[in-house]
Amino acid sequence: MNLSLLIFAHTSLNKGSAEESVSKTNHPILIIHGDKDTVVPYTMSEELYKKHPDKIRYELFPGADHGMSYIIDKPRYQRILKEFLSK
């Protein structure tokens, strides 16, 4: 992942923090997270959202592990994504 970031985004996972990045952006952010994530605790996304509710749309998917929210509830995921992209 870090190699992809270096090649395509000219940045690194080691550069800055999520908090710093959100603070600097003027773009809306969509965070979709599963509450059963075993890789990244959903509370990290939740805390970021609470600090920046004006910049972040946060959606929690009950029962979803890391990257599995779409599999858990495809209709909801698709609806959220369409709404977010249409703004």
PDB file of N, CA and C in Angstrom:
ATOM      1  N   MET A   1       0.825  -1.184   0.000  1.00  0.00           N
ATOM      2  CA  MET A   1       0.000   0.000   0.000  1.00  0.00           C
ATOM      3  C   MET A   1       0.874   1.255   0.000  1.00  0.00           C
ATOM      4  N   ASN A   2       1.894   1.237   0.810  1.00  0.00           N
ATOM      5  CA  ASN A   2       2.760   2.410   0.884  1.00  0.00           C
ATOM      6  C   ASN A   2       3.428   2.672  -0.462  1.00  0.00           C
ATOM      7  N   LEU A   3       3.815   1.613  -1.168  1.00  0.00           N
ATOM      8  CA  LEU A   3       4.423   1.774  -2.491  1.00  0.00           C
ATOM      9  C   LEU A   3       3.432   2.430  -3.455  1.00  0.00           C
ATOM     10  N   SER A   4       2.181   2.010  -3.413  1.00  0.00           N
ATOM     11  CA  SER A   4       1.141   2.615  -4.264  1.00  0.00           C
ATOM     12  C   SER A   4       0.976   4.091  -3.939  1.00  0.00           C
ATOM     13  N   LEU A   5       0.978   4.418  -2.669  1.00  0.00           N
ATOM     14  CA  LEU A   5       0.862   5.821  -2.266  1.00  0.00           C
ATOM     15  C   LEU A   5       2.044   6.644  -2.790  1.00  0.00           C
ATOM     16  N   LEU A   6       3.216   6.066  -2.714  1.00  0.00           N
ATOM     17  CA  LEU A   6       4.404   6.775  -3.203  1.00  0.00           C
ATOM     18  C   LEU A   6       4.319   7.010  -4.705  1.00  0.00           C
ATOM     19  N   ILE A   7       3.908   5.990  -5.453  1.00  0.00           N
ATOM     20  CA  ILE A   7       3.860   6.079  -6.913  1.00  0.00           C
ATOM     21  C   ILE A   7       2.729   6.995  -7.389  1.00  0.00           C
ATOM     22  N   PHE A   8       1.527   6.771  -6.874  1.00  0.00           N
ATOM     23  CA  PHE A   8       0.355   7.456  -7.414  1.00  0.00           C
ATOM     24  C   PHE A   8      -0.009   8.769  -6.701  1.00  0.00           C
ATOM     25  N   ALA A   9       0.258   8.866  -5.430  1.00  0.00           N
ATOM     26  CA  ALA A   9      -0.143  10.063  -4.684  1.00  0.00           C
ATOM     27  C   ALA A   9       1.036  10.895  -4.206  1.00  0.00           C
ATOM     28  N   HIS A  10       2.240  10.400  -4.443  1.00  0.00           N
ATOM     29  CA  HIS A  10       3.457  11.103  -4.032  1.00  0.00           C
ATOM     30  C   HIS A  10       3.446  11.436  -2.543  1.00  0.00           C
ATOM     31  N   THR A  11       3.003  10.471  -1.760  1.00  0.00           N
ATOM     32  CA  THR A  11       2.973  10.621  -0.311  1.00  0.00           C
ATOM     33  C   THR A  11       3.318   9.275   0.310  1.00  0.00           C
ATOM     34  N   SER A  12       3.232   9.171   1.621  1.00  0.00           N
ATOM     35  CA  SER A  12       3.624   7.962   2.327  1.00  0.00           C
ATOM     36  C   SER A  12       2.746   7.767   3.552  1.00  0.00           C
ATOM     37  N   LEU A  13       2.613   6.518   3.967  1.00  0.00           N
ATOM     38  CA  LEU A  13       1.882   6.229   5.204  1.00  0.00           C
ATOM     39  C   LEU A  13       2.592   6.829   6.411  1.00  0.00           C
ATOM     40  N   ASN A  14       3.874   7.054   6.273  1.00  0.00           N
ATOM     41  CA  ASN A  14       4.667   7.594   7.369  1.00  0.00           C
ATOM     42  C   ASN A  14       4.633   9.114   7.425  1.00  0.00           C
ATOM     43  N   LYS A  15       3.934   9.720   6.489  1.00  0.00           N
ATOM     44  CA  LYS A  15       3.926  11.175   6.377  1.00  0.00           C
ATOM     45  C   LYS A  15       2.635  11.734   6.954  1.00  0.00           C
ATOM     46  N   GLY A  16       2.732  12.400   8.091  1.00  0.00           N
ATOM     47  CA  GLY A  16       1.565  13.028   8.688  1.00  0.00           C
ATOM     48  C   GLY A  16       0.628  12.042   9.361  1.00  0.00           C
ATOM     49  N   SER A  17      -0.536  12.556   9.729  1.00  0.00           N
ATOM     50  CA  SER A  17      -1.533  11.729  10.396  1.00  0.00           C
ATOM     51  C   SER A  17      -2.884  11.975   9.756  1.00  0.00           C
ATOM     52  N   ALA A  18      -3.830  11.110  10.042  1.00  0.00           N
ATOM     53  CA  ALA A  18      -5.187  11.296   9.525  1.00  0.00           C
ATOM     54  C   ALA A  18      -5.757  12.607  10.037  1.00  0.00           C
ATOM     55  N   GLU A  19      -5.557  12.887  11.291  1.00  0.00           N
ATOM     56  CA  GLU A  19      -6.049  14.129  11.898  1.00  0.00           C
ATOM     57  C   GLU A  19      -5.495  15.352  11.163  1.00  0.00           C
ATOM     58  N   GLU A  20      -4.222  15.334  10.901  1.00  0.00           N
ATOM     59  CA  GLU A  20      -3.575  16.444  10.206  1.00  0.00           C
ATOM     60  C   GLU A  20      -4.125  16.583   8.783  1.00  0.00           C
ATOM     61  N   SER A  21      -4.281  15.476   8.095  1.00  0.00           N
ATOM     62  CA  SER A  21      -4.785  15.499   6.724  1.00  0.00           C
ATOM     63  C   SER A  21      -6.211  16.027   6.654  1.00  0.00           C
ATOM     64  N   VAL A  22      -7.070  15.568   7.561  1.00  0.00           N
ATOM     65  CA  VAL A  22      -8.458  16.034   7.575  1.00  0.00           C
ATOM     66  C   VAL A  22      -8.504  17.521   7.900  1.00  0.00           C
ATOM     67  N   SER A  23      -7.682  17.953   8.814  1.00  0.00           N
ATOM     68  CA  SER A  23      -7.649  19.378   9.183  1.00  0.00           C
ATOM     69  C   SER A  23      -7.305  20.263   7.995  1.00  0.00           C
ATOM     70  N   LYS A  24      -6.466  19.771   7.100  1.00  0.00           N
ATOM     71  CA  LYS A  24      -5.978  20.572   5.981  1.00  0.00           C
ATOM     72  C   LYS A  24      -6.884  20.540   4.751  1.00  0.00           C
ATOM     73  N   THR A  25      -7.751  19.552   4.642  1.00  0.00           N
ATOM     74  CA  THR A  25      -8.537  19.413   3.417  1.00  0.00           C
ATOM     75  C   THR A  25      -9.760  20.304   3.382  1.00  0.00           C
ATOM     76  N   ASN A  26     -10.153  20.651   2.174  1.00  0.00           N
ATOM     77  CA  ASN A  26     -11.392  21.389   1.945  1.00  0.00           C
ATOM     78  C   ASN A  26     -12.410  20.503   1.240  1.00  0.00           C
ATOM     79  N   HIS A  27     -12.111  19.237   1.124  1.00  0.00           N
ATOM     80  CA  HIS A  27     -12.960  18.293   0.416  1.00  0.00           C
ATOM     81  C   HIS A  27     -13.736  17.421   1.402  1.00  0.00           C
ATOM     82  N   PRO A  28     -14.959  17.048   1.042  1.00  0.00           N
ATOM     83  CA  PRO A  28     -15.713  16.147   1.913  1.00  0.00           C
ATOM     84  C   PRO A  28     -15.082  14.764   1.935  1.00  0.00           C
ATOM     85  N   ILE A  29     -15.234  14.084   3.052  1.00  0.00           N
ATOM     86  CA  ILE A  29     -14.640  12.759   3.248  1.00  0.00           C
ATOM     87  C   ILE A  29     -15.738  11.783   3.652  1.00  0.00           C
ATOM     88  N   LEU A  30     -15.723  10.615   3.034  1.00  0.00           N
ATOM     89  CA  LEU A  30     -16.635   9.546   3.403  1.00  0.00           C
ATOM     90  C   LEU A  30     -15.826   8.439   4.058  1.00  0.00           C
ATOM     91  N   ILE A  31     -16.207   8.081   5.281  1.00  0.00           N
ATOM     92  CA  ILE A  31     -15.564   6.968   5.974  1.00  0.00           C
ATOM     93  C   ILE A  31     -16.618   5.901   6.203  1.00  0.00           C
ATOM     94  N   ILE A  32     -16.368   4.729   5.646  1.00  0.00           N
ATOM     95  CA  ILE A  32     -17.227   3.567   5.856  1.00  0.00           C
ATOM     96  C   ILE A  32     -16.399   2.555   6.631  1.00  0.00           C
ATOM     97  N   HIS A  33     -16.930   2.136   7.769  1.00  0.00           N
ATOM     98  CA  HIS A  33     -16.157   1.269   8.654  1.00  0.00           C
ATOM     99  C   HIS A  33     -17.054   0.182   9.238  1.00  0.00           C
ATOM    100  N   GLY A  34     -16.515  -1.015   9.393  1.00  0.00           N
ATOM    101  CA  GLY A  34     -17.231  -2.106  10.041  1.00  0.00           C
ATOM    102  C   GLY A  34     -16.928  -2.140  11.526  1.00  0.00           C
ATOM    103  N   ASP A  35     -17.935  -2.440  12.333  1.00  0.00           N
ATOM    104  CA  ASP A  35     -17.705  -2.454  13.786  1.00  0.00           C
ATOM    105  C   ASP A  35     -16.990  -3.711  14.269  1.00  0.00           C
ATOM    106  N   LYS A  36     -16.743  -4.657  13.366  1.00  0.00           N
ATOM    107  CA  LYS A  36     -15.996  -5.867  13.714  1.00  0.00           C
ATOM    108  C   LYS A  36     -14.617  -5.885  13.060  1.00  0.00           C
ATOM    109  N   ASP A  37     -14.130  -4.717  12.657  1.00  0.00           N
ATOM    110  CA  ASP A  37     -12.837  -4.600  11.989  1.00  0.00           C
ATOM    111  C   ASP A  37     -11.726  -5.087  12.914  1.00  0.00           C
ATOM    112  N   THR A  38     -10.958  -6.050  12.423  1.00  0.00           N
ATOM    113  CA  THR A  38      -9.853  -6.612  13.216  1.00  0.00           C
ATOM    114  C   THR A  38      -8.503  -6.028  12.807  1.00  0.00           C
ATOM    115  N   VAL A  39      -8.508  -5.114  11.822  1.00  0.00           N
ATOM    116  CA  VAL A  39      -7.268  -4.492  11.353  1.00  0.00           C
ATOM    117  C   VAL A  39      -7.144  -3.069  11.888  1.00  0.00           C
ATOM    118  N   VAL A  40      -8.195  -2.281  11.706  1.00  0.00           N
ATOM    119  CA  VAL A  40      -8.230  -0.895  12.176  1.00  0.00           C
ATOM    120  C   VAL A  40      -9.477  -0.734  13.040  1.00  0.00           C
ATOM    121  N   PRO A  41      -9.316  -0.446  14.317  1.00  0.00           N
ATOM    122  CA  PRO A  41     -10.497  -0.287  15.175  1.00  0.00           C
ATOM    123  C   PRO A  41     -11.418   0.823  14.665  1.00  0.00           C
ATOM    124  N   TYR A  42     -12.718   0.527  14.613  1.00  0.00           N
ATOM    125  CA  TYR A  42     -13.673   1.530  14.118  1.00  0.00           C
ATOM    126  C   TYR A  42     -13.675   2.787  14.987  1.00  0.00           C
ATOM    127  N   THR A  43     -13.240   2.660  16.219  1.00  0.00           N
ATOM    128  CA  THR A  43     -13.210   3.821  17.106  1.00  0.00           C
ATOM    129  C   THR A  43     -12.249   4.898  16.598  1.00  0.00           C
ATOM    130  N   MET A  44     -11.257   4.508  15.815  1.00  0.00           N
ATOM    131  CA  MET A  44     -10.337   5.500  15.237  1.00  0.00           C
ATOM    132  C   MET A  44     -11.083   6.399  14.249  1.00  0.00           C
ATOM    133  N   SER A  45     -11.917   5.793  13.416  1.00  0.00           N
ATOM    134  CA  SER A  45     -12.721   6.575  12.470  1.00  0.00           C
ATOM    135  C   SER A  45     -13.746   7.416  13.205  1.00  0.00           C
ATOM    136  N   GLU A  46     -14.334   6.829  14.223  1.00  0.00           N
ATOM    137  CA  GLU A  46     -15.352   7.515  15.010  1.00  0.00           C
ATOM    138  C   GLU A  46     -14.775   8.768  15.680  1.00  0.00           C
ATOM    139  N   GLU A  47     -13.587   8.651  16.239  1.00  0.00           N
ATOM    140  CA  GLU A  47     -12.929   9.790  16.885  1.00  0.00           C
ATOM    141  C   GLU A  47     -12.608  10.891  15.872  1.00  0.00           C
ATOM    142  N   LEU A  48     -12.150  10.494  14.701  1.00  0.00           N
ATOM    143  CA  LEU A  48     -11.838  11.458  13.651  1.00  0.00           C
ATOM    144  C   LEU A  48     -13.102  12.194  13.216  1.00  0.00           C
ATOM    145  N   TYR A  49     -14.190  11.453  13.068  1.00  0.00           N
ATOM    146  CA  TYR A  49     -15.480  12.057  12.702  1.00  0.00           C
ATOM    147  C   TYR A  49     -15.951  13.042  13.773  1.00  0.00           C
ATOM    148  N   LYS A  50     -15.826  12.666  15.038  1.00  0.00           N
ATOM    149  CA  LYS A  50     -16.283  13.541  16.126  1.00  0.00           C
ATOM    150  C   LYS A  50     -15.507  14.858  16.156  1.00  0.00           C
ATOM    151  N   LYS A  51     -14.250  14.819  15.727  1.00  0.00           N
ATOM    152  CA  LYS A  51     -13.436  16.036  15.694  1.00  0.00           C
ATOM    153  C   LYS A  51     -13.753  16.905  14.474  1.00  0.00           C
ATOM    154  N   HIS A  52     -14.267  16.279  13.400  1.00  0.00           N
ATOM    155  CA  HIS A  52     -14.510  17.004  12.146  1.00  0.00           C
ATOM    156  C   HIS A  52     -15.845  16.621  11.513  1.00  0.00           C
ATOM    157  N   PRO A  53     -16.956  16.758  12.235  1.00  0.00           N
ATOM    158  CA  PRO A  53     -18.252  16.352  11.667  1.00  0.00           C
ATOM    159  C   PRO A  53     -18.672  17.188  10.456  1.00  0.00           C
ATOM    160  N   ASP A  54     -18.092  18.363  10.317  1.00  0.00           N
ATOM    161  CA  ASP A  54     -18.397  19.218   9.173  1.00  0.00           C
ATOM    162  C   ASP A  54     -17.707  18.750   7.900  1.00  0.00           C
ATOM    163  N   LYS A  55     -16.674  17.941   8.015  1.00  0.00           N
ATOM    164  CA  LYS A  55     -15.910  17.483   6.854  1.00  0.00           C
ATOM    165  C   LYS A  55     -16.128  16.007   6.526  1.00  0.00           C
ATOM    166  N   ILE A  56     -16.616  15.245   7.504  1.00  0.00           N
ATOM    167  CA  ILE A  56     -16.667  13.789   7.352  1.00  0.00           C
ATOM    168  C   ILE A  56     -18.096  13.273   7.432  1.00  0.00           C
ATOM    169  N   ARG A  57     -18.419  12.378   6.514  1.00  0.00           N
ATOM    170  CA  ARG A  57     -19.624  11.565   6.654  1.00  0.00           C
ATOM    171  C   ARG A  57     -19.129  10.202   7.099  1.00  0.00           C
ATOM    172  N   TYR A  58     -19.610   9.770   8.230  1.00  0.00           N
ATOM    173  CA  TYR A  58     -19.153   8.513   8.847  1.00  0.00           C
ATOM    174  C   TYR A  58     -20.300   7.518   8.879  1.00  0.00           C
ATOM    175  N   GLU A  59     -20.067   6.336   8.350  1.00  0.00           N
ATOM    176  CA  GLU A  59     -21.071   5.278   8.326  1.00  0.00           C
ATOM    177  C   GLU A  59     -20.473   4.008   8.925  1.00  0.00           C
ATOM    178  N   LEU A  60     -21.143   3.486   9.933  1.00  0.00           N
ATOM    179  CA  LEU A  60     -20.699   2.269  10.610  1.00  0.00           C
ATOM    180  C   LEU A  60     -21.580   1.101  10.171  1.00  0.00           C
ATOM    181  N   PHE A  61     -20.950   0.005   9.795  1.00  0.00           N
ATOM    182  CA  PHE A  61     -21.663  -1.190   9.361  1.00  0.00           C
ATOM    183  C   PHE A  61     -21.527  -2.284  10.422  1.00  0.00           C
ATOM    184  N   PRO A  62     -22.623  -2.575  11.112  1.00  0.00           N
ATOM    185  CA  PRO A  62     -22.604  -3.628  12.128  1.00  0.00           C
ATOM    186  C   PRO A  62     -22.258  -4.990  11.513  1.00  0.00           C
ATOM    187  N   GLY A  63     -21.351  -5.691  12.170  1.00  0.00           N
ATOM    188  CA  GLY A  63     -20.989  -7.038  11.751  1.00  0.00           C
ATOM    189  C   GLY A  63     -19.927  -7.122  10.679  1.00  0.00           C
ATOM    190  N   ALA A  64     -19.455  -5.999  10.173  1.00  0.00           N
ATOM    191  CA  ALA A  64     -18.485  -6.017   9.074  1.00  0.00           C
ATOM    192  C   ALA A  64     -17.047  -5.960   9.587  1.00  0.00           C
ATOM    193  N   ASP A  65     -16.229  -6.866   9.072  1.00  0.00           N
ATOM    194  CA  ASP A  65     -14.796  -6.855   9.341  1.00  0.00           C
ATOM    195  C   ASP A  65     -14.135  -5.890   8.350  1.00  0.00           C
ATOM    196  N   HIS A  66     -12.834  -5.787   8.388  1.00  0.00           N
ATOM    197  CA  HIS A  66     -12.072  -4.859   7.565  1.00  0.00           C
ATOM    198  C   HIS A  66     -12.363  -5.071   6.070  1.00  0.00           C
ATOM    199  N   GLY A  67     -12.841  -4.010   5.420  1.00  0.00           N
ATOM    200  CA  GLY A  67     -13.099  -4.059   3.989  1.00  0.00           C
ATOM    201  C   GLY A  67     -14.296  -4.900   3.580  1.00  0.00           C
ATOM    202  N   MET A  68     -15.155  -5.269   4.521  1.00  0.00           N
ATOM    203  CA  MET A  68     -16.275  -6.162   4.218  1.00  0.00           C
ATOM    204  C   MET A  68     -17.640  -5.491   4.312  1.00  0.00           C
ATOM    205  N   SER A  69     -17.696  -4.200   4.490  1.00  0.00           N
ATOM    206  CA  SER A  69     -18.975  -3.501   4.634  1.00  0.00           C
ATOM    207  C   SER A  69     -19.867  -3.707   3.414  1.00  0.00           C
ATOM    208  N   TYR A  70     -19.288  -3.678   2.226  1.00  0.00           N
ATOM    209  CA  TYR A  70     -20.053  -3.875   1.001  1.00  0.00           C
ATOM    210  C   TYR A  70     -20.697  -5.258   0.968  1.00  0.00           C
ATOM    211  N   ILE A  71     -19.967  -6.245   1.417  1.00  0.00           N
ATOM    212  CA  ILE A  71     -20.472  -7.623   1.426  1.00  0.00           C
ATOM    213  C   ILE A  71     -21.606  -7.770   2.438  1.00  0.00           C
ATOM    214  N   ILE A  72     -21.488  -7.100   3.567  1.00  0.00           N
ATOM    215  CA  ILE A  72     -22.486  -7.195   4.638  1.00  0.00           C
ATOM    216  C   ILE A  72     -23.825  -6.577   4.232  1.00  0.00           C
ATOM    217  N   ASP A  73     -23.784  -5.411   3.569  1.00  0.00           N
ATOM    218  CA  ASP A  73     -25.028  -4.714   3.220  1.00  0.00           C
ATOM    219  C   ASP A  73     -24.836  -3.915   1.927  1.00  0.00           C
ATOM    220  N   LYS A  74     -24.909  -4.622   0.794  1.00  0.00           N
ATOM    221  CA  LYS A  74     -24.688  -3.984  -0.514  1.00  0.00           C
ATOM    222  C   LYS A  74     -25.651  -2.841  -0.795  1.00  0.00           C
ATOM    223  N   PRO A  75     -26.961  -2.997  -0.570  1.00  0.00           N
ATOM    224  CA  PRO A  75     -27.877  -1.886  -0.873  1.00  0.00           C
ATOM    225  C   PRO A  75     -27.554  -0.616  -0.082  1.00  0.00           C
ATOM    226  N   ARG A  76     -27.290  -0.761   1.193  1.00  0.00           N
ATOM    227  CA  ARG A  76     -26.967   0.416   2.009  1.00  0.00           C
ATOM    228  C   ARG A  76     -25.657   1.056   1.547  1.00  0.00           C
ATOM    229  N   TYR A  77     -24.652   0.234   1.323  1.00  0.00           N
ATOM    230  CA  TYR A  77     -23.349   0.728   0.872  1.00  0.00           C
ATOM    231  C   TYR A  77     -23.499   1.504  -0.430  1.00  0.00           C
ATOM    232  N   GLN A  78     -24.232   0.935  -1.389  1.00  0.00           N
ATOM    233  CA  GLN A  78     -24.417   1.582  -2.682  1.00  0.00           C
ATOM    234  C   GLN A  78     -25.182   2.896  -2.546  1.00  0.00           C
ATOM    235  N   ARG A  79     -26.205   2.910  -1.693  1.00  0.00           N
ATOM    236  CA  ARG A  79     -26.990   4.119  -1.466  1.00  0.00           C
ATOM    237  C   ARG A  79     -26.113   5.229  -0.878  1.00  0.00           C
ATOM    238  N   ILE A  80     -25.327   4.880   0.135  1.00  0.00           N
ATOM    239  CA  ILE A  80     -24.441   5.854   0.789  1.00  0.00           C
ATOM    240  C   ILE A  80     -23.441   6.421  -0.227  1.00  0.00           C
ATOM    241  N   LEU A  81     -22.855   5.554  -1.008  1.00  0.00           N
ATOM    242  CA  LEU A  81     -21.856   5.986  -1.985  1.00  0.00           C
ATOM    243  C   LEU A  81     -22.485   6.884  -3.056  1.00  0.00           C
ATOM    244  N   LYS A  82     -23.653   6.515  -3.559  1.00  0.00           N
ATOM    245  CA  LYS A  82     -24.334   7.348  -4.563  1.00  0.00           C
ATOM    246  C   LYS A  82     -24.686   8.713  -3.989  1.00  0.00           C
ATOM    247  N   GLU A  83     -25.207   8.750  -2.759  1.00  0.00           N
ATOM    248  CA  GLU A  83     -25.529  10.028  -2.124  1.00  0.00           C
ATOM    249  C   GLU A  83     -24.304  10.906  -1.965  1.00  0.00           C
ATOM    250  N   PHE A  84     -23.227  10.304  -1.513  1.00  0.00           N
ATOM    251  CA  PHE A  84     -21.999  11.061  -1.275  1.00  0.00           C
ATOM    252  C   PHE A  84     -21.426  11.619  -2.581  1.00  0.00           C
ATOM    253  N   LEU A  85     -21.417  10.811  -3.616  1.00  0.00           N
ATOM    254  CA  LEU A  85     -20.831  11.235  -4.889  1.00  0.00           C
ATOM    255  C   LEU A  85     -21.714  12.222  -5.652  1.00  0.00           C
ATOM    256  N   SER A  86     -22.987  12.259  -5.318  1.00  0.00           N
ATOM    257  CA  SER A  86     -23.897  13.165  -6.027  1.00  0.00           C
ATOM    258  C   SER A  86     -23.869  14.587  -5.481  1.00  0.00           C
ATOM    259  N   LYS A  87     -23.170  14.804  -4.389  1.00  0.00           N
ATOM    260  CA  LYS A  87     -23.109  16.143  -3.786  1.00  0.00           C
ATOM    261  C   LYS A  87     -21.960  16.954  -4.323  1.00  0.00           C
TER     262      LYS A  87
END
